[in-house]
Amino acid sequence: DEKDCEGVGGFKIDLSTWSGFKTEPDSLHIWQSKDDPFVPTHHSERFIEKYPKAILHRFTDRGHFFQSEFPELLEELQNFK
């Protein structure tokens, strides 16, 4: 149920009706933290259902990723080809 995520700043995706990307991405990384106050964890699980090749990066203590350092993301960007 998407009603548990009201969206932030006018941004919202209703995954129950979303038809997906216009073109299939070559790679897709989803970053999710269990304690995110804005995006419930089941949203990342729904993305994985739509895009099974996606890579899900799960955390327990990162909130909505408002930290000044994010070494895991930096490593992924440095390895991006």
N, C-alpha and C. Protein backbone atom coordinates (compact mmCIF):
# COMPACT_ATOMS: atom_id res chain seq x y z
N ASP A 1 0.84 -1.19 0.00
CA ASP A 1 0.00 0.00 0.00
C ASP A 1 0.88 1.24 0.00
N GLU A 2 0.67 2.12 -0.95
CA GLU A 2 1.50 3.31 -1.09
C GLU A 2 1.04 4.46 -0.18
N LYS A 3 -0.05 4.31 0.53
CA LYS A 3 -0.56 5.40 1.36
C LYS A 3 0.34 5.66 2.57
N ASP A 4 1.25 4.75 2.87
CA ASP A 4 2.14 4.97 4.01
C ASP A 4 3.34 5.84 3.64
N CYS A 5 3.42 6.30 2.41
CA CYS A 5 4.51 7.18 1.98
C CYS A 5 3.90 8.36 1.25
N GLU A 6 3.79 9.47 1.94
CA GLU A 6 3.12 10.65 1.38
C GLU A 6 3.96 11.39 0.35
N GLY A 7 5.25 11.10 0.29
CA GLY A 7 6.14 11.83 -0.61
C GLY A 7 6.75 13.00 0.13
N VAL A 8 7.82 13.53 -0.44
CA VAL A 8 8.54 14.64 0.19
C VAL A 8 8.77 15.71 -0.86
N GLY A 9 8.45 16.95 -0.53
CA GLY A 9 8.68 18.06 -1.44
C GLY A 9 7.99 17.89 -2.78
N GLY A 10 6.85 17.22 -2.80
CA GLY A 10 6.12 17.02 -4.04
C GLY A 10 6.57 15.81 -4.84
N PHE A 11 7.64 15.12 -4.40
CA PHE A 11 8.12 13.94 -5.12
C PHE A 11 7.48 12.70 -4.55
N LYS A 12 6.87 11.92 -5.43
CA LYS A 12 6.25 10.67 -5.01
C LYS A 12 6.10 9.76 -6.22
N ILE A 13 6.38 8.48 -6.02
CA ILE A 13 6.14 7.49 -7.06
C ILE A 13 5.19 6.46 -6.48
N ASP A 14 4.08 6.25 -7.14
CA ASP A 14 3.15 5.21 -6.73
C ASP A 14 3.56 3.94 -7.45
N LEU A 15 4.25 3.05 -6.75
CA LEU A 15 4.79 1.85 -7.37
C LEU A 15 3.71 0.88 -7.84
N SER A 16 2.51 1.03 -7.33
CA SER A 16 1.44 0.12 -7.76
C SER A 16 0.95 0.45 -9.17
N THR A 17 1.15 1.69 -9.62
CA THR A 17 0.70 2.08 -10.96
C THR A 17 1.85 2.50 -11.87
N TRP A 18 3.06 2.60 -11.32
CA TRP A 18 4.21 3.06 -12.10
C TRP A 18 4.56 2.03 -13.17
N SER A 19 4.72 2.47 -14.41
CA SER A 19 4.99 1.54 -15.51
C SER A 19 6.48 1.29 -15.72
N GLY A 20 7.32 1.96 -14.98
CA GLY A 20 8.76 1.72 -15.09
C GLY A 20 9.48 2.79 -15.88
N PHE A 21 10.76 2.56 -16.11
CA PHE A 21 11.59 3.49 -16.87
C PHE A 21 11.23 3.42 -18.35
N LYS A 22 11.44 4.52 -19.07
CA LYS A 22 11.15 4.53 -20.51
C LYS A 22 12.08 3.59 -21.25
N THR A 23 13.32 3.51 -20.81
CA THR A 23 14.27 2.55 -21.36
C THR A 23 14.86 1.75 -20.21
N GLU A 24 15.17 0.50 -20.46
CA GLU A 24 15.72 -0.37 -19.42
C GLU A 24 17.12 0.11 -19.04
N PRO A 25 17.37 0.38 -17.77
CA PRO A 25 18.71 0.83 -17.38
C PRO A 25 19.73 -0.30 -17.49
N ASP A 26 20.98 0.06 -17.83
CA ASP A 26 22.05 -0.94 -17.88
C ASP A 26 22.34 -1.48 -16.49
N SER A 27 22.27 -0.59 -15.52
CA SER A 27 22.45 -1.02 -14.13
C SER A 27 21.58 -0.14 -13.24
N LEU A 28 21.18 -0.71 -12.14
CA LEU A 28 20.32 0.02 -11.21
C LEU A 28 20.71 -0.37 -9.79
N HIS A 29 21.07 0.63 -9.01
CA HIS A 29 21.42 0.42 -7.61
C HIS A 29 20.35 1.10 -6.76
N ILE A 30 19.85 0.39 -5.78
CA ILE A 30 18.85 0.92 -4.87
C ILE A 30 19.47 0.97 -3.48
N TRP A 31 19.41 2.12 -2.87
CA TRP A 31 19.99 2.33 -1.55
C TRP A 31 18.85 2.51 -0.56
N GLN A 32 18.80 1.68 0.45
CA GLN A 32 17.69 1.70 1.40
C GLN A 32 18.22 1.51 2.82
N SER A 33 17.70 2.31 3.74
CA SER A 33 18.02 2.13 5.15
C SER A 33 16.74 1.81 5.91
N LYS A 34 16.84 0.83 6.76
CA LYS A 34 15.67 0.38 7.52
C LYS A 34 15.04 1.50 8.34
N ASP A 35 15.87 2.45 8.81
CA ASP A 35 15.35 3.53 9.65
C ASP A 35 15.04 4.81 8.85
N ASP A 36 14.86 4.71 7.54
CA ASP A 36 14.51 5.87 6.72
C ASP A 36 13.12 6.35 7.14
N PRO A 37 13.00 7.62 7.58
CA PRO A 37 11.70 8.12 8.03
C PRO A 37 10.75 8.47 6.88
N PHE A 38 11.25 8.49 5.65
CA PHE A 38 10.44 8.91 4.51
C PHE A 38 10.04 7.77 3.57
N VAL A 39 10.93 6.79 3.39
CA VAL A 39 10.69 5.72 2.42
C VAL A 39 10.67 4.38 3.13
N PRO A 40 9.53 3.71 3.16
CA PRO A 40 9.45 2.40 3.81
C PRO A 40 10.29 1.35 3.07
N THR A 41 10.81 0.39 3.80
CA THR A 41 11.68 -0.62 3.19
C THR A 41 10.96 -1.45 2.13
N HIS A 42 9.65 -1.61 2.24
CA HIS A 42 8.98 -2.41 1.22
C HIS A 42 8.98 -1.75 -0.16
N HIS A 43 9.27 -0.46 -0.22
CA HIS A 43 9.37 0.19 -1.52
C HIS A 43 10.57 -0.34 -2.29
N SER A 44 11.70 -0.52 -1.61
CA SER A 44 12.87 -1.06 -2.30
C SER A 44 12.60 -2.49 -2.75
N GLU A 45 11.87 -3.23 -1.95
CA GLU A 45 11.53 -4.60 -2.33
C GLU A 45 10.65 -4.63 -3.58
N ARG A 46 9.77 -3.66 -3.71
CA ARG A 46 8.93 -3.58 -4.92
C ARG A 46 9.75 -3.24 -6.15
N PHE A 47 10.75 -2.36 -5.98
CA PHE A 47 11.64 -2.06 -7.10
C PHE A 47 12.37 -3.31 -7.55
N ILE A 48 12.83 -4.10 -6.59
CA ILE A 48 13.54 -5.34 -6.92
C ILE A 48 12.62 -6.30 -7.67
N GLU A 49 11.36 -6.32 -7.32
CA GLU A 49 10.41 -7.16 -8.05
C GLU A 49 10.29 -6.73 -9.51
N LYS A 50 10.29 -5.41 -9.75
CA LYS A 50 10.17 -4.90 -11.12
C LYS A 50 11.49 -5.02 -11.88
N TYR A 51 12.61 -4.90 -11.16
CA TYR A 51 13.94 -4.95 -11.77
C TYR A 51 14.81 -5.94 -11.00
N PRO A 52 14.65 -7.24 -11.26
CA PRO A 52 15.37 -8.25 -10.49
C PRO A 52 16.89 -8.19 -10.64
N LYS A 53 17.39 -7.53 -11.69
CA LYS A 53 18.84 -7.39 -11.86
C LYS A 53 19.41 -6.24 -11.03
N ALA A 54 18.54 -5.45 -10.44
CA ALA A 54 18.99 -4.32 -9.62
C ALA A 54 19.76 -4.82 -8.40
N ILE A 55 20.65 -3.97 -7.94
CA ILE A 55 21.44 -4.29 -6.76
C ILE A 55 20.88 -3.49 -5.59
N LEU A 56 20.48 -4.18 -4.56
CA LEU A 56 19.91 -3.53 -3.38
C LEU A 56 20.98 -3.42 -2.30
N HIS A 57 21.27 -2.19 -1.90
CA HIS A 57 22.22 -1.92 -0.83
C HIS A 57 21.40 -1.59 0.41
N ARG A 58 21.43 -2.47 1.38
CA ARG A 58 20.61 -2.28 2.59
C ARG A 58 21.46 -1.84 3.77
N PHE A 59 20.89 -0.93 4.53
CA PHE A 59 21.52 -0.44 5.75
C PHE A 59 20.48 -0.44 6.86
N THR A 60 20.93 -0.32 8.08
CA THR A 60 20.00 -0.28 9.21
C THR A 60 19.99 1.07 9.91
N ASP A 61 21.03 1.87 9.71
CA ASP A 61 21.21 3.07 10.54
C ASP A 61 21.58 4.32 9.75
N ARG A 62 21.12 4.46 8.52
CA ARG A 62 21.50 5.61 7.71
C ARG A 62 20.36 6.60 7.48
N GLY A 63 19.19 6.32 8.03
CA GLY A 63 18.07 7.24 7.85
C GLY A 63 17.77 7.46 6.37
N HIS A 64 17.65 8.72 5.98
CA HIS A 64 17.39 9.07 4.58
C HIS A 64 18.68 9.51 3.89
N PHE A 65 19.82 9.05 4.41
CA PHE A 65 21.15 9.29 3.85
C PHE A 65 21.52 10.77 3.83
N PHE A 66 21.30 11.44 4.95
CA PHE A 66 21.68 12.85 5.09
C PHE A 66 23.04 13.00 5.75
N GLN A 67 23.93 12.01 5.62
CA GLN A 67 25.23 12.11 6.26
C GLN A 67 26.23 12.80 5.34
N SER A 68 27.29 13.34 5.92
CA SER A 68 28.29 14.06 5.13
C SER A 68 29.26 13.12 4.43
N GLU A 69 29.38 11.90 4.91
CA GLU A 69 30.26 10.91 4.27
C GLU A 69 29.46 9.65 3.97
N PHE A 70 29.74 9.07 2.82
CA PHE A 70 29.02 7.87 2.39
C PHE A 70 30.01 7.01 1.61
N PRO A 71 30.93 6.33 2.32
CA PRO A 71 32.01 5.60 1.65
C PRO A 71 31.52 4.49 0.72
N GLU A 72 30.40 3.86 1.04
CA GLU A 72 29.89 2.79 0.19
C GLU A 72 29.46 3.32 -1.18
N LEU A 73 28.81 4.48 -1.18
CA LEU A 73 28.40 5.09 -2.44
C LEU A 73 29.62 5.56 -3.22
N LEU A 74 30.57 6.17 -2.53
CA LEU A 74 31.80 6.62 -3.18
C LEU A 74 32.51 5.46 -3.87
N GLU A 75 32.59 4.32 -3.19
CA GLU A 75 33.23 3.14 -3.78
C GLU A 75 32.50 2.68 -5.04
N GLU A 76 31.17 2.66 -5.00
CA GLU A 76 30.39 2.27 -6.19
C GLU A 76 30.64 3.23 -7.35
N LEU A 77 30.68 4.52 -7.06
CA LEU A 77 30.91 5.51 -8.11
C LEU A 77 32.31 5.37 -8.70
N GLN A 78 33.29 5.09 -7.86
CA GLN A 78 34.66 4.93 -8.35
C GLN A 78 34.80 3.68 -9.22
N ASN A 79 33.98 2.67 -8.97
CA ASN A 79 34.03 1.43 -9.75
C ASN A 79 33.08 1.43 -10.94
N PHE A 80 32.32 2.50 -11.11
CA PHE A 80 31.32 2.58 -12.18
C PHE A 80 32.01 2.60 -13.54
N LYS A 81 31.48 1.81 -14.46
CA LYS A 81 32.05 1.75 -15.82
C LYS A 81 30.99 2.04 -16.83
